[in-house]
C-alpha atoms as a PDB file:
ATOM      1  CA  MET A   1     -12.071   2.019 -13.793  1.00  0.00           C
ATOM      2  CA  LYS A   2      -8.981   2.545 -11.651  1.00  0.00           C
ATOM      3  CA  VAL A   3     -10.510   5.495  -9.908  1.00  0.00           C
ATOM      4  CA  THR A   4     -13.434   3.412  -9.077  1.00  0.00           C
ATOM      5  CA  LEU A   5     -11.413   0.627  -7.737  1.00  0.00           C
ATOM      6  CA  ALA A   6      -9.357   2.831  -5.419  1.00  0.00           C
ATOM      7  CA  ALA A   7     -12.646   4.321  -4.105  1.00  0.00           C
ATOM      8  CA  LYS A   8     -14.096   0.970  -3.456  1.00  0.00           C
ATOM      9  CA  MET A   9     -10.748  -0.247  -1.876  1.00  0.00           C
ATOM     10  CA  GLU A  10     -10.722   2.982   0.494  1.00  0.00           C
ATOM     11  CA  ASN A  11     -14.312   1.863   1.470  1.00  0.00           C
ATOM     12  CA  SER A  12     -13.105  -1.573   2.266  1.00  0.00           C
ATOM     13  CA  GLY A  13     -10.165  -0.458   4.408  1.00  0.00           C
ATOM     14  CA  LEU A  14      -9.567   0.176   8.038  1.00  0.00           C
ATOM     15  CA  PRO A  15      -8.726   3.408   9.969  1.00  0.00           C
ATOM     16  CA  ASP A  16      -5.194   4.225  10.031  1.00  0.00           C
ATOM     17  CA  LYS A  17      -4.204   1.352   7.711  1.00  0.00           C
ATOM     18  CA  ILE A  18      -3.099   1.539   4.160  1.00  0.00           C
ATOM     19  CA  GLN A  19      -4.450  -1.300   1.967  1.00  0.00           C
ATOM     20  CA  ILE A  20      -2.780  -1.881  -1.450  1.00  0.00           C
ATOM     21  CA  SER A  21      -3.520  -4.120  -4.430  1.00  0.00           C
ATOM     22  CA  LEU A  22      -1.523  -7.113  -5.241  1.00  0.00           C
ATOM     23  CA  LYS A  23       0.160  -5.240  -8.327  1.00  0.00           C
ATOM     24  CA  SER A  24       0.973  -2.561  -6.061  1.00  0.00           C
ATOM     25  CA  TYR A  25       2.465  -4.868  -3.611  1.00  0.00           C
ATOM     26  CA  GLN A  26       4.625  -6.644  -6.385  1.00  0.00           C
ATOM     27  CA  LEU A  27       6.016  -3.361  -7.769  1.00  0.00           C
ATOM     28  CA  LEU A  28       6.591  -1.668  -4.388  1.00  0.00           C
ATOM     29  CA  THR A  29       8.449  -4.694  -2.651  1.00  0.00           C
ATOM     30  CA  ALA A  30      10.381  -5.351  -6.058  1.00  0.00           C
ATOM     31  CA  ARG A  31      11.667  -1.806  -6.163  1.00  0.00           C
ATOM     32  CA  TYR A  32      11.874  -1.050  -2.243  1.00  0.00           C
ATOM     33  CA  PRO A  33      12.334  -4.204  -0.234  1.00  0.00           C
ATOM     34  CA  GLU A  34      12.516  -2.052   2.883  1.00  0.00           C
ATOM     35  CA  PHE A  35       8.684  -1.679   2.678  1.00  0.00           C
ATOM     36  CA  LYS A  36       7.077  -4.333   4.947  1.00  0.00           C
ATOM     37  CA  CYS A  37       3.583  -5.572   3.920  1.00  0.00           C
ATOM     38  CA  SER A  38       1.478  -8.424   5.125  1.00  0.00           C
ATOM     39  CA  PRO A  39      -1.524 -10.081   3.238  1.00  0.00           C
ATOM     40  CA  ARG A  40      -4.929  -9.040   3.953  1.00  0.00           C
ATOM     41  CA  GLY A  41      -6.438 -11.595   1.888  1.00  0.00           C
ATOM     42  CA  GLY A  42      -9.326 -11.583  -0.460  1.00  0.00           C
ATOM     43  CA  VAL A  43     -11.485  -8.680  -0.238  1.00  0.00           C
ATOM     44  CA  ARG A  44     -14.967  -8.462  -1.982  1.00  0.00           C
ATOM     45  CA  ILE A  45     -15.249  -5.454  -4.111  1.00  0.00           C
ATOM     46  CA  ASP A  46     -18.824  -4.729  -5.602  1.00  0.00           C
ATOM     47  CA  GLY A  47     -18.918  -4.813  -9.243  1.00  0.00           C
ATOM     48  CA  ILE A  48     -15.357  -6.027  -9.603  1.00  0.00           C
ATOM     49  CA  GLY A  49     -15.003  -9.316  -7.601  1.00  0.00           C
ATOM     50  CA  THR A  50     -12.562 -10.600  -4.862  1.00  0.00           C
ATOM     51  CA  LEU A  51      -9.108  -8.988  -4.947  1.00  0.00           C
ATOM     52  CA  LEU A  52      -6.202 -10.200  -3.019  1.00  0.00           C
ATOM     53  CA  THR A  53      -4.764  -7.108  -1.020  1.00  0.00           C
ATOM     54  CA  TYR A  54      -1.992  -6.350   1.402  1.00  0.00           C
ATOM     55  CA  TRP A  55      -1.540  -4.011   4.254  1.00  0.00           C
ATOM     56  CA  LEU A  56       1.433  -1.665   3.995  1.00  0.00           C
ATOM     57  CA  ASP A  57       2.937  -2.112   7.578  1.00  0.00           C
ATOM     58  CA  ASP A  58       6.246  -0.347   7.668  1.00  0.00           C
ATOM     59  CA  CYS A  59       8.761   1.766   5.803  1.00  0.00           C
ATOM     60  CA  GLU A  60      10.895   3.299   8.657  1.00  0.00           C
ATOM     61  CA  GLU A  61      14.231   2.870   6.765  1.00  0.00           C
ATOM     62  CA  LEU A  62      12.919   4.664   3.770  1.00  0.00           C
ATOM     63  CA  LEU A  63      11.362   7.427   5.827  1.00  0.00           C
ATOM     64  CA  ALA A  64      14.649   7.966   7.894  1.00  0.00           C
ATOM     65  CA  SER A  65      16.651   8.231   4.705  1.00  0.00           C
ATOM     66  CA  SER A  66      14.156  10.811   3.235  1.00  0.00           C
ATOM     67  CA  ARG A  67      14.379  12.882   6.310  1.00  0.00           C
ATOM     68  CA  SER A  68      17.995  13.047   5.977  1.00  0.00           C
ATOM     69  CA  VAL A  69      17.885  14.024   2.419  1.00  0.00           C
ATOM     70  CA  ILE A  70      15.211  16.529   3.117  1.00  0.00           C
ATOM     71  CA  GLY A  71      17.068  17.949   6.153  1.00  0.00           C
ATOM     72  CA  SER A  72      20.353  18.172   4.116  1.00  0.00           C
ATOM     73  CA  ASP A  73      18.749  20.654   1.616  1.00  0.00           C
ATOM     74  CA  ARG A  74      18.057  23.308   4.314  1.00  0.00           C
END
């Protein structure tokens, strides 16, 4: 079911945008508040129904810190 849902969410997405589920949004923002998301709204997924989804908009702080960690290993 999860693979099917992921494939169907990918089909309902837009180019160069990352769409995440409500549960992913809740888990991500609770653990990493530096991730910025915006609500996309309800998306109709065939065979499943309407799901509330979000766009992952920004995570620059986390990317910057991971680059410094990666760079320090070299």
